[in-house]
Protein backbone atom coordinates (compact mmCIF):
# COMPACT_ATOMS: atom_id res chain seq x y z
CA UNK A 1 0.01 -0.03 0.04
CA UNK A 2 1.22 3.71 -0.76
CA UNK A 3 -0.28 5.11 1.89
CA UNK A 4 1.89 5.80 4.69
CA UNK A 5 0.16 6.27 8.10
CA UNK A 6 0.69 9.42 10.33
CA UNK A 7 -0.14 10.43 13.73
CA UNK A 8 0.01 13.94 14.67
CA UNK A 9 0.51 14.46 18.51
CA UNK A 10 1.08 17.49 20.57
CA UNK A 11 1.06 18.82 24.29
CA UNK A 12 -2.33 19.92 25.46
CA UNK A 13 -2.90 23.70 27.09
CA UNK A 14 1.06 24.31 25.97
CA UNK A 15 0.64 28.02 24.99
CA UNK A 16 -1.26 29.05 27.97
CA UNK A 17 0.90 26.75 30.43
CA UNK A 18 3.90 28.21 29.27
CA UNK A 19 3.53 31.31 30.39
CA UNK A 20 2.48 29.98 33.82
CA UNK A 21 3.98 26.72 34.27
CA UNK A 22 6.90 26.61 31.80
CA UNK A 23 9.17 23.94 33.45
CA UNK A 24 6.08 21.44 33.82
CA UNK A 25 5.15 21.89 30.46
CA UNK A 26 8.27 21.88 28.80
CA UNK A 27 8.88 18.70 30.89
CA UNK A 28 5.86 16.99 29.05
CA UNK A 29 7.37 17.93 25.79
CA UNK A 30 10.69 16.22 26.72
CA UNK A 31 8.70 13.21 27.65
CA UNK A 32 6.95 12.73 24.18
CA UNK A 33 9.98 13.54 22.49
CA UNK A 34 11.88 10.87 24.53
CA UNK A 35 9.39 8.49 24.21
CA UNK A 36 9.28 8.78 20.21
CA UNK A 37 13.02 8.15 20.28
CA UNK A 38 12.85 5.41 22.51
CA UNK A 39 10.29 3.76 20.20
CA UNK A 40 12.06 4.44 16.94
CA UNK A 41 15.41 3.55 18.36
CA UNK A 42 14.41 0.09 20.35
CA UNK A 43 11.03 -0.83 18.65
CA UNK A 44 11.30 0.05 15.04
CA UNK A 45 14.89 0.52 14.24
CA UNK A 46 14.92 -1.32 10.86
CA UNK A 47 13.24 -1.32 7.54
CA UNK A 48 10.34 -1.83 6.48
CA UNK A 49 9.06 -1.01 10.21
CA UNK A 50 11.19 2.39 10.73
CA UNK A 51 9.23 5.44 11.84
CA UNK A 52 10.26 9.16 10.94
CA UNK A 53 9.54 12.23 13.56
CA UNK A 54 9.04 15.58 12.34
CA UNK A 55 8.84 18.38 15.34
CA UNK A 56 6.43 20.88 15.08
CA UNK A 57 6.86 23.32 17.94
CA UNK A 58 4.71 21.69 20.82
CA UNK A 59 4.25 18.68 18.99
CA UNK A 60 5.24 16.05 16.24
CA UNK A 61 4.06 14.21 12.77
CA UNK A 62 5.20 10.69 13.19
CA UNK A 63 5.37 8.98 9.70
CA UNK A 64 5.48 5.14 8.90
CA UNK A 65 7.99 4.01 6.14
CA UNK A 66 5.02 2.13 4.54
CA UNK A 67 1.32 1.84 4.40
CA UNK A 68 -0.63 -0.67 6.30
CA UNK A 69 -3.63 -3.01 6.12
CA UNK A 70 -4.48 -2.50 9.73
CA UNK A 71 -3.64 0.67 12.08
CA UNK A 72 -2.54 -1.05 15.09
CA UNK A 73 0.51 -0.20 14.82
CA UNK A 74 -0.11 3.70 14.94
CA UNK A 75 -2.76 3.16 17.21
CA UNK A 76 -0.58 1.46 19.76
CA UNK A 77 2.12 4.00 19.35
CA UNK A 78 -0.26 6.40 20.04
CA UNK A 79 -1.68 4.94 23.15
CA UNK A 80 1.99 4.19 24.88
CA UNK A 81 2.68 7.83 24.01
CA UNK A 82 -0.34 9.77 25.39
CA UNK A 83 0.29 7.10 28.57
CA UNK A 84 4.00 8.07 28.76
CA UNK A 85 3.20 11.68 28.76
CA UNK A 86 -0.09 11.29 31.42
CA UNK A 87 2.63 9.84 33.59
CA UNK A 88 4.26 13.12 34.02
CA UNK A 89 0.87 14.77 35.19
CA UNK A 90 0.41 16.84 31.88
CA UNK A 91 -1.41 15.25 28.89
CA UNK A 92 -1.11 14.94 25.00
CA UNK A 93 -3.67 14.70 21.79
CA UNK A 94 -3.09 12.39 18.98
CA UNK A 95 -4.58 12.08 15.60
CA UNK A 96 -4.17 9.75 12.86
CA UNK A 97 -4.23 10.09 9.18
CA UNK A 98 -2.85 8.60 5.93
CA UNK A 99 -1.44 9.93 2.61
CA UNK A 100 1.94 10.35 1.28
CA UNK A 101 5.05 11.92 2.85
CA UNK A 102 8.08 13.06 1.19
CA UNK A 103 11.44 15.56 1.00
CA UNK A 104 10.49 18.81 -1.01
CA UNK A 105 14.09 20.45 -0.46
CA UNK A 106 14.53 20.15 -4.29
CA UNK A 107 11.79 22.62 -4.85
CA UNK A 108 13.26 25.01 -2.74
CA UNK A 109 15.26 28.11 -3.93
CA UNK A 110 18.56 27.61 -5.13
CA UNK A 111 19.90 30.67 -3.05
CA UNK A 112 18.32 28.96 0.34
CA UNK A 113 19.76 25.69 -0.39
CA UNK A 114 23.45 26.81 -1.06
CA UNK A 115 23.33 28.79 2.05
CA UNK A 116 22.29 25.31 4.24
CA UNK A 117 25.02 24.11 6.60
CA UNK A 118 25.34 20.33 7.19
CA UNK A 119 22.97 20.36 10.14
CA UNK A 120 20.25 21.78 7.93
CA UNK A 121 20.14 25.30 9.25
CA UNK A 122 20.30 28.21 6.49
CA UNK A 123 22.17 30.84 6.91
CA UNK A 124 21.11 34.42 6.30
CA UNK A 125 23.50 37.16 7.16
CA UNK A 126 23.70 36.74 10.98
CA UNK A 127 20.47 35.22 11.59
CA UNK A 128 19.20 31.80 11.06
CA UNK A 129 16.34 29.84 9.04
CA UNK A 130 15.20 26.20 10.02
CA UNK A 131 13.50 24.55 7.21
CA UNK A 132 10.92 21.93 7.45
CA UNK A 133 11.54 19.89 4.43
CA UNK A 134 9.25 16.93 4.64
CA UNK A 135 5.52 17.44 3.59
CA UNK A 136 2.66 15.54 2.38
CA UNK A 137 -0.99 14.60 2.68
CA UNK A 138 -0.12 12.11 5.26
CA UNK A 139 0.74 15.20 7.49
CA UNK A 140 -2.27 17.23 6.12
CA UNK A 141 -4.73 14.45 7.09
CA UNK A 142 -3.71 13.75 10.53
CA UNK A 143 -3.71 17.28 11.43
CA UNK A 144 -7.02 17.69 9.89
CA UNK A 145 -8.70 15.01 11.98
CA UNK A 146 -6.67 16.68 14.95
CA UNK A 147 -8.34 20.15 13.89
CA UNK A 148 -11.96 18.70 13.49
CA UNK A 149 -11.38 16.52 16.82
CA UNK A 150 -13.16 17.55 20.04
CA UNK A 151 -11.49 19.38 22.88
CA UNK A 152 -9.75 17.08 25.28
CA UNK A 153 -6.89 14.53 25.71
CA UNK A 154 -8.13 12.44 22.85
CA UNK A 155 -7.02 9.95 20.39
CA UNK A 156 -8.87 10.24 17.16
CA UNK A 157 -9.15 9.02 13.50
CA UNK A 158 -11.64 9.38 10.62
CA UNK A 159 -14.49 6.88 10.95
CA UNK A 160 -14.05 5.60 7.36
CA UNK A 161 -11.23 3.48 8.74
CA UNK A 162 -13.06 1.74 11.52
CA UNK A 163 -12.81 -1.44 9.83
CA UNK A 164 -9.17 -1.29 10.11
CA UNK A 165 -9.03 -0.91 13.77
CA UNK A 166 -7.93 -3.51 16.33
CA UNK A 167 -11.08 -4.87 17.94
CA UNK A 168 -9.83 -4.27 21.36
CA UNK A 169 -10.47 -0.28 20.81
CA UNK A 170 -12.81 1.17 22.67
CA UNK A 171 -14.49 3.79 20.38
CA UNK A 172 -17.36 6.56 20.35
CA UNK A 173 -18.24 8.58 17.36
CA UNK A 174 -17.52 12.02 17.21
CA UNK A 175 -17.89 15.33 15.40
CA UNK A 176 -21.36 14.32 14.04
CA UNK A 177 -20.06 10.63 13.28
CA UNK A 178 -17.02 11.80 11.37
CA UNK A 179 -14.60 10.65 13.38
CA UNK A 180 -13.86 8.10 16.38
CA UNK A 181 -12.39 8.65 19.35
CA UNK A 182 -10.22 5.80 20.60
CA UNK A 183 -10.16 5.27 24.51
CA UNK A 184 -6.49 5.02 24.98
CA UNK A 185 -6.71 5.06 28.81
CA UNK A 186 -8.87 1.97 28.78
CA UNK A 187 -8.34 -0.08 25.33
CA UNK A 188 -6.13 -2.91 26.11
CA UNK A 189 -3.91 -3.92 22.97
CA UNK A 190 -1.03 -6.45 23.39
CA UNK A 191 1.22 -4.19 21.29
CA UNK A 192 1.00 -1.19 23.30
CA UNK A 193 2.34 -3.07 26.38
CA UNK A 194 4.85 -4.59 24.06
CA UNK A 195 6.29 -1.08 22.68
CA UNK A 196 6.09 0.15 26.27
CA UNK A 197 8.38 -2.81 27.79
CA UNK A 198 10.84 -2.79 24.67
CA UNK A 199 11.28 1.17 24.84
CA UNK A 200 11.40 1.57 28.25
CA UNK A 201 8.24 3.95 28.33
CA UNK A 202 6.08 4.41 31.70
CA UNK A 203 3.17 2.36 31.98
CA UNK A 204 0.74 3.85 34.44
CA UNK A 205 -2.21 1.84 35.69
CA UNK A 206 -5.74 3.21 34.54
CA UNK A 207 -6.28 4.10 38.24
CA UNK A 208 -2.74 6.32 38.17
CA UNK A 209 -3.98 8.09 35.10
CA UNK A 210 -7.43 8.69 36.60
CA UNK A 211 -5.85 10.13 39.39
CA UNK A 212 -3.33 12.36 37.02
CA UNK A 213 -6.76 13.70 35.55
CA UNK A 214 -7.60 15.01 39.08
CA UNK A 215 -4.61 16.35 40.05
CA UNK A 216 -4.57 18.24 36.80
CA UNK A 217 -8.12 19.93 37.01
CA UNK A 218 -7.37 20.84 40.58
CA UNK A 219 -4.13 23.06 39.55
CA UNK A 220 -3.63 26.52 39.43
CA UNK A 221 -4.06 26.81 35.89
CA UNK A 222 -6.78 24.00 35.35
CA UNK A 223 -8.19 23.28 31.41
CA UNK A 224 -11.39 24.80 31.02
CA UNK A 225 -14.86 22.77 31.96
CA UNK A 226 -15.81 21.74 28.29
CA UNK A 227 -12.23 20.23 27.89
CA UNK A 228 -12.54 18.33 31.25
CA UNK A 229 -16.42 17.03 30.30
CA UNK A 230 -15.40 16.07 26.93
CA UNK A 231 -12.24 14.29 28.16
CA UNK A 232 -14.06 12.48 31.21
CA UNK A 233 -16.77 11.49 29.02
CA UNK A 234 -14.67 10.13 25.90
CA UNK A 235 -12.22 8.11 27.99
CA UNK A 236 -14.81 6.85 30.50
CA UNK A 237 -13.00 8.20 33.41
CA UNK A 238 -14.49 7.34 36.94
CA UNK A 239 -13.93 10.82 38.14
CA UNK A 240 -16.13 13.76 39.42
CA UNK A 241 -16.41 16.84 37.08
CA UNK A 242 -15.54 20.30 37.89
CA UNK A 243 -19.18 22.15 38.63
CA UNK A 244 -19.32 25.40 36.86
């Protein structure tokens, strides 16, 4: 299959929390970055199963080397990453798409490419330009799913891919049935445990994740009520909701 899967994952509330608790929210980004690296290095290091990750501010797009008949791998990777970040007391949001992906630097201006150093930086006088060279419909599709998703620490995917999801996934329709929200807290996939163990990721229990959500909504800078309500409902969390 030519379609490569892509995961778009970022840290929830990064912009707001960066102003008030920069150390904690940067720690969450560091956790996410390290977890992606460990998965790529220890679980999927060789062809044809390699993964490619590209940072975009507070998040990453993770792209597969090839397409797949089932979407077990991107779902399991997403769940493992969401749980790893949650273990640190902050949360991420992930969405899955499919399409092509490629290096488009050949389309960039000759002057810009001539000024590029070995590390990829482009020197422009005394300043620096950083290029995002990898583009494609896989990246766009995953991001569009992300944008259409409800508020909350969710894992979403197009409803059209329902038949390619593992049977163990606990799902709910969202966005007027256009998307599916996968309960990343309670869905039990063997591959998630394999990834966590092989990559050395944190593997919090359901109770620990629920407690992390409780702690998060009780901080000095809690998420808005609609974020909490949506997250708790779609993740089937056994916790009390904040009252308006």
